[in-house]
Amino acid sequence: MMRAAVVLTLCFLCATAAFGQLAATTVSGATLSSTFQVAQHSEQAAPQAMAQEHSLLGTSTITTAHGEMPLSDVPLPPVHVTPLGDIARMQKAEHAKDKKANIVWEN
């Protein structure tokens, strides 16, 4: 019985919402359709000649100094990475040294 009341209430609310949307479009539908105008772009797809190319840099020139090298050629210092297995062994050894609980609860 309770499920039927919930379903009936849900159907009533959905029907009310649909009717409200329908009423809103029929009342203001005529005013919206008369005020909307599509913009005219008659030149949008017309064929035309390509523009003359020009430099994006303008009149600037590229200057380099002696001894300059790309960053990829700079030697990096060696990086020592500790393997994950060694880290796990150190954590296990530290955990074994930790203070243990004196009381063990068993339920």
N, C-alpha and C. Protein backbone atom coordinates (compact mmCIF):
# COMPACT_ATOMS: atom_id res chain seq x y z
N MET A 1 0.83 -1.20 0.00
CA MET A 1 0.00 0.00 0.00
C MET A 1 0.87 1.25 0.00
N MET A 2 1.93 1.21 0.79
CA MET A 2 2.82 2.37 0.89
C MET A 2 3.53 2.62 -0.43
N ARG A 3 3.95 1.53 -1.10
CA ARG A 3 4.64 1.67 -2.37
C ARG A 3 3.72 2.28 -3.42
N ALA A 4 2.47 1.91 -3.43
CA ALA A 4 1.51 2.45 -4.39
C ALA A 4 1.32 3.95 -4.16
N ALA A 5 1.31 4.39 -2.91
CA ALA A 5 1.15 5.81 -2.61
C ALA A 5 2.37 6.60 -3.07
N VAL A 6 3.56 6.04 -2.92
CA VAL A 6 4.78 6.72 -3.36
C VAL A 6 4.79 6.83 -4.87
N VAL A 7 4.44 5.75 -5.57
CA VAL A 7 4.42 5.76 -7.04
C VAL A 7 3.38 6.75 -7.54
N LEU A 8 2.21 6.77 -6.93
CA LEU A 8 1.15 7.70 -7.34
C LEU A 8 1.58 9.15 -7.12
N THR A 9 2.25 9.43 -6.01
CA THR A 9 2.74 10.79 -5.72
C THR A 9 3.82 11.19 -6.72
N LEU A 10 4.72 10.28 -7.06
CA LEU A 10 5.77 10.57 -8.03
C LEU A 10 5.18 10.86 -9.40
N CYS A 11 4.20 10.08 -9.81
CA CYS A 11 3.54 10.32 -11.11
C CYS A 11 2.83 11.68 -11.12
N PHE A 12 2.20 12.03 -10.03
CA PHE A 12 1.51 13.31 -9.94
C PHE A 12 2.49 14.47 -10.05
N LEU A 13 3.64 14.37 -9.36
CA LEU A 13 4.64 15.44 -9.42
C LEU A 13 5.25 15.56 -10.81
N CYS A 14 5.52 14.44 -11.48
CA CYS A 14 6.08 14.48 -12.84
C CYS A 14 5.08 15.09 -13.81
N ALA A 15 3.81 14.74 -13.68
CA ALA A 15 2.78 15.30 -14.56
C ALA A 15 2.63 16.80 -14.33
N THR A 16 2.72 17.24 -13.08
CA THR A 16 2.64 18.67 -12.78
C THR A 16 3.81 19.42 -13.38
N ALA A 17 5.01 18.85 -13.30
CA ALA A 17 6.19 19.51 -13.88
C ALA A 17 6.09 19.58 -15.39
N ALA A 18 5.62 18.52 -16.03
CA ALA A 18 5.47 18.52 -17.48
C ALA A 18 4.42 19.54 -17.92
N PHE A 19 3.34 19.63 -17.19
CA PHE A 19 2.30 20.61 -17.53
C PHE A 19 2.83 22.03 -17.36
N GLY A 20 3.64 22.28 -16.33
CA GLY A 20 4.21 23.60 -16.13
C GLY A 20 5.16 23.99 -17.26
N GLN A 21 5.94 23.05 -17.76
CA GLN A 21 6.83 23.35 -18.88
C GLN A 21 6.03 23.59 -20.15
N LEU A 22 5.00 22.83 -20.36
CA LEU A 22 4.16 23.01 -21.54
C LEU A 22 3.47 24.37 -21.51
N ALA A 23 2.97 24.76 -20.36
CA ALA A 23 2.28 26.04 -20.24
C ALA A 23 3.26 27.19 -20.46
N ALA A 24 4.50 27.07 -20.00
CA ALA A 24 5.48 28.14 -20.17
C ALA A 24 5.86 28.31 -21.64
N THR A 25 5.93 27.22 -22.40
CA THR A 25 6.31 27.35 -23.81
C THR A 25 5.15 27.86 -24.66
N THR A 26 3.93 27.53 -24.32
CA THR A 26 2.82 28.00 -25.14
C THR A 26 2.53 29.49 -24.91
N VAL A 27 2.76 29.97 -23.69
CA VAL A 27 2.50 31.38 -23.39
C VAL A 27 3.59 32.26 -23.99
N SER A 28 4.86 31.92 -23.77
CA SER A 28 5.94 32.78 -24.24
C SER A 28 6.54 32.28 -25.54
N GLY A 29 6.04 31.21 -26.11
CA GLY A 29 6.60 30.65 -27.34
C GLY A 29 6.49 31.60 -28.52
N ALA A 30 5.39 32.31 -28.61
CA ALA A 30 5.19 33.21 -29.74
C ALA A 30 6.13 34.40 -29.67
N THR A 31 6.39 34.91 -28.48
CA THR A 31 7.28 36.07 -28.36
C THR A 31 8.73 35.69 -28.58
N LEU A 32 9.15 34.50 -28.16
CA LEU A 32 10.54 34.08 -28.36
C LEU A 32 10.84 33.82 -29.83
N SER A 33 9.92 33.20 -30.55
CA SER A 33 10.19 32.88 -31.95
C SER A 33 10.19 34.13 -32.82
N SER A 34 9.48 35.17 -32.42
CA SER A 34 9.45 36.37 -33.26
C SER A 34 10.66 37.26 -33.01
N THR A 35 11.33 37.16 -31.87
CA THR A 35 12.48 38.01 -31.59
C THR A 35 13.80 37.37 -32.00
N PHE A 36 13.86 36.08 -32.25
CA PHE A 36 15.11 35.41 -32.60
C PHE A 36 15.37 35.55 -34.09
N GLN A 37 16.57 36.04 -34.44
CA GLN A 37 16.97 36.15 -35.84
C GLN A 37 18.36 35.55 -36.01
N VAL A 38 18.52 34.76 -37.04
CA VAL A 38 19.81 34.15 -37.32
C VAL A 38 20.68 35.18 -38.03
N ALA A 39 21.95 35.31 -37.58
CA ALA A 39 22.87 36.26 -38.19
C ALA A 39 23.23 35.80 -39.59
N GLN A 40 23.35 36.72 -40.52
CA GLN A 40 23.71 36.42 -41.90
C GLN A 40 25.20 36.64 -42.10
N HIS A 41 25.90 35.63 -42.54
CA HIS A 41 27.33 35.72 -42.81
C HIS A 41 27.54 35.30 -44.27
N SER A 42 27.29 36.17 -45.19
CA SER A 42 27.37 35.82 -46.60
C SER A 42 28.80 35.63 -47.07
N GLU A 43 29.79 36.28 -46.45
CA GLU A 43 31.18 36.19 -46.87
C GLU A 43 31.94 35.07 -46.16
N GLN A 44 31.28 34.30 -45.34
CA GLN A 44 31.98 33.33 -44.51
C GLN A 44 32.67 32.25 -45.33
N ALA A 45 32.04 31.70 -46.34
CA ALA A 45 32.60 30.58 -47.08
C ALA A 45 33.03 30.97 -48.49
N ALA A 46 33.17 32.25 -48.77
CA ALA A 46 33.55 32.68 -50.11
C ALA A 46 35.03 32.42 -50.35
N PRO A 47 35.41 31.90 -51.53
CA PRO A 47 36.83 31.68 -51.80
C PRO A 47 37.56 33.01 -52.00
N GLN A 48 38.78 33.10 -51.49
CA GLN A 48 39.56 34.32 -51.65
C GLN A 48 41.04 33.96 -51.65
N ALA A 49 41.87 34.87 -52.13
CA ALA A 49 43.29 34.62 -52.22
C ALA A 49 43.91 34.59 -50.83
N MET A 50 45.01 33.83 -50.71
CA MET A 50 45.70 33.75 -49.42
C MET A 50 46.48 35.04 -49.17
N ALA A 51 46.66 35.40 -47.92
CA ALA A 51 47.37 36.62 -47.56
C ALA A 51 48.87 36.42 -47.75
N GLN A 52 49.59 37.53 -47.87
CA GLN A 52 51.04 37.51 -48.01
C GLN A 52 51.66 37.08 -46.68
N GLU A 53 52.68 36.21 -46.73
CA GLU A 53 53.27 35.74 -45.48
C GLU A 53 54.14 36.82 -44.86
N HIS A 54 54.22 36.80 -43.52
CA HIS A 54 55.06 37.74 -42.82
C HIS A 54 55.63 37.05 -41.57
N SER A 55 56.76 37.52 -41.09
CA SER A 55 57.44 36.91 -39.97
C SER A 55 56.75 37.28 -38.66
N LEU A 56 56.62 36.32 -37.79
CA LEU A 56 56.05 36.61 -36.47
C LEU A 56 57.06 37.30 -35.57
N LEU A 57 58.34 37.17 -35.88
CA LEU A 57 59.38 37.79 -35.06
C LEU A 57 59.58 39.25 -35.40
N GLY A 58 59.06 39.71 -36.49
CA GLY A 58 59.25 41.10 -36.89
C GLY A 58 60.65 41.32 -37.43
N THR A 59 61.34 42.36 -36.97
CA THR A 59 62.67 42.66 -37.47
C THR A 59 63.76 42.18 -36.54
N SER A 60 63.44 41.47 -35.46
CA SER A 60 64.45 41.02 -34.51
C SER A 60 65.27 39.89 -35.11
N THR A 61 66.50 39.77 -34.67
CA THR A 61 67.37 38.70 -35.13
C THR A 61 67.78 37.86 -33.94
N ILE A 62 68.21 36.64 -34.21
CA ILE A 62 68.63 35.74 -33.14
C ILE A 62 70.13 35.90 -32.96
N THR A 63 70.57 36.18 -31.75
CA THR A 63 72.00 36.30 -31.47
C THR A 63 72.39 35.25 -30.45
N THR A 64 73.56 34.66 -30.65
CA THR A 64 74.08 33.68 -29.70
C THR A 64 75.48 34.08 -29.30
N ALA A 65 75.85 33.76 -28.08
CA ALA A 65 77.19 34.08 -27.59
C ALA A 65 78.04 32.83 -27.61
N HIS A 66 79.36 33.02 -27.53
CA HIS A 66 80.28 31.89 -27.50
C HIS A 66 80.11 31.14 -26.18
N GLY A 67 80.12 29.82 -26.25
CA GLY A 67 80.03 29.02 -25.06
C GLY A 67 78.60 28.69 -24.64
N GLU A 68 77.62 29.18 -25.34
CA GLU A 68 76.24 28.87 -24.99
C GLU A 68 75.88 27.48 -25.50
N MET A 69 75.22 26.70 -24.66
CA MET A 69 74.81 25.36 -25.06
C MET A 69 73.37 25.10 -24.61
N PRO A 70 72.71 24.20 -25.30
CA PRO A 70 71.34 23.89 -24.90
C PRO A 70 71.30 23.25 -23.51
N LEU A 71 70.19 23.41 -22.83
CA LEU A 71 70.03 22.88 -21.48
C LEU A 71 70.13 21.36 -21.46
N SER A 72 69.74 20.71 -22.56
CA SER A 72 69.80 19.25 -22.60
C SER A 72 71.23 18.74 -22.60
N ASP A 73 72.22 19.58 -22.98
CA ASP A 73 73.61 19.15 -23.00
C ASP A 73 74.33 19.39 -21.68
N VAL A 74 73.70 20.04 -20.71
CA VAL A 74 74.33 20.32 -19.42
C VAL A 74 74.35 19.03 -18.60
N PRO A 75 75.54 18.63 -18.10
CA PRO A 75 75.59 17.39 -17.32
C PRO A 75 74.94 17.58 -15.95
N LEU A 76 74.11 16.63 -15.59
CA LEU A 76 73.41 16.68 -14.30
C LEU A 76 74.18 15.87 -13.27
N PRO A 77 74.13 16.27 -11.99
CA PRO A 77 74.80 15.47 -10.95
C PRO A 77 74.10 14.13 -10.80
N PRO A 78 74.86 13.09 -10.44
CA PRO A 78 74.23 11.77 -10.30
C PRO A 78 73.26 11.76 -9.12
N VAL A 79 72.16 11.09 -9.30
CA VAL A 79 71.12 11.02 -8.27
C VAL A 79 71.10 9.59 -7.72
N HIS A 80 71.24 9.47 -6.39
CA HIS A 80 71.19 8.15 -5.76
C HIS A 80 69.75 7.85 -5.34
N VAL A 81 69.22 6.77 -5.86
CA VAL A 81 67.86 6.37 -5.53
C VAL A 81 67.94 5.06 -4.74
N THR A 82 67.37 5.06 -3.54
CA THR A 82 67.36 3.85 -2.72
C THR A 82 66.28 2.91 -3.25
N PRO A 83 66.63 1.66 -3.51
CA PRO A 83 65.63 0.71 -4.02
C PRO A 83 64.49 0.51 -3.03
N LEU A 84 63.33 0.22 -3.55
CA LEU A 84 62.14 0.07 -2.72
C LEU A 84 62.26 -1.11 -1.76
N GLY A 85 62.94 -2.18 -2.19
CA GLY A 85 63.11 -3.34 -1.31
C GLY A 85 63.94 -2.99 -0.09
N ASP A 86 65.00 -2.16 -0.28
CA ASP A 86 65.82 -1.74 0.86
C ASP A 86 65.02 -0.88 1.83
N ILE A 87 64.18 -0.02 1.30
CA ILE A 87 63.34 0.82 2.16
C ILE A 87 62.38 -0.05 2.98
N ALA A 88 61.82 -1.08 2.34
CA ALA A 88 60.90 -1.98 3.04
C ALA A 88 61.62 -2.74 4.15
N ARG A 89 62.85 -3.19 3.88
CA ARG A 89 63.61 -3.90 4.91
C ARG A 89 63.94 -2.99 6.09
N MET A 90 64.29 -1.73 5.82
CA MET A 90 64.57 -0.79 6.91
C MET A 90 63.32 -0.53 7.74
N GLN A 91 62.17 -0.38 7.09
CA GLN A 91 60.93 -0.16 7.82
C GLN A 91 60.59 -1.37 8.69
N LYS A 92 60.83 -2.58 8.15
CA LYS A 92 60.52 -3.80 8.91
C LYS A 92 61.43 -3.90 10.13
N ALA A 93 62.72 -3.54 9.98
CA ALA A 93 63.65 -3.58 11.11
C ALA A 93 63.26 -2.55 12.17
N GLU A 94 62.87 -1.36 11.78
CA GLU A 94 62.43 -0.34 12.73
C GLU A 94 61.17 -0.78 13.46
N HIS A 95 60.26 -1.42 12.73
CA HIS A 95 59.01 -1.89 13.34
C HIS A 95 59.29 -2.99 14.37
N ALA A 96 60.30 -3.83 14.09
CA ALA A 96 60.64 -4.91 15.03
C ALA A 96 61.22 -4.35 16.31
N LYS A 97 61.90 -3.18 16.24
CA LYS A 97 62.51 -2.57 17.42
C LYS A 97 61.51 -1.78 18.26
N ASP A 98 60.35 -1.44 17.68
CA ASP A 98 59.37 -0.62 18.39
C ASP A 98 58.86 -1.33 19.64
N LYS A 99 58.38 -0.52 20.60
CA LYS A 99 57.85 -1.03 21.85
C LYS A 99 56.52 -1.74 21.57
N LYS A 100 56.39 -2.90 22.14
CA LYS A 100 55.18 -3.69 21.93
C LYS A 100 54.20 -3.46 23.08
N ALA A 101 52.95 -3.78 22.86
CA ALA A 101 51.93 -3.62 23.89
C ALA A 101 52.09 -4.71 24.95
N ASN A 102 51.82 -4.35 26.20
CA ASN A 102 51.93 -5.30 27.30
C ASN A 102 50.67 -6.14 27.45
N ILE A 103 49.53 -5.57 27.10
CA ILE A 103 48.24 -6.24 27.29
C ILE A 103 47.69 -6.61 25.91
N VAL A 104 47.28 -7.83 25.77
CA VAL A 104 46.65 -8.28 24.53
C VAL A 104 45.19 -8.57 24.84
N TRP A 105 44.30 -7.86 24.19
CA TRP A 105 42.88 -8.06 24.42
C TRP A 105 42.34 -9.10 23.45
N GLU A 106 41.65 -10.06 23.97
CA GLU A 106 41.01 -11.06 23.13
C GLU A 106 39.54 -11.10 23.48
N ASN A 107 38.69 -10.87 22.52
CA ASN A 107 37.24 -10.87 22.77
C ASN A 107 36.64 -12.19 22.39
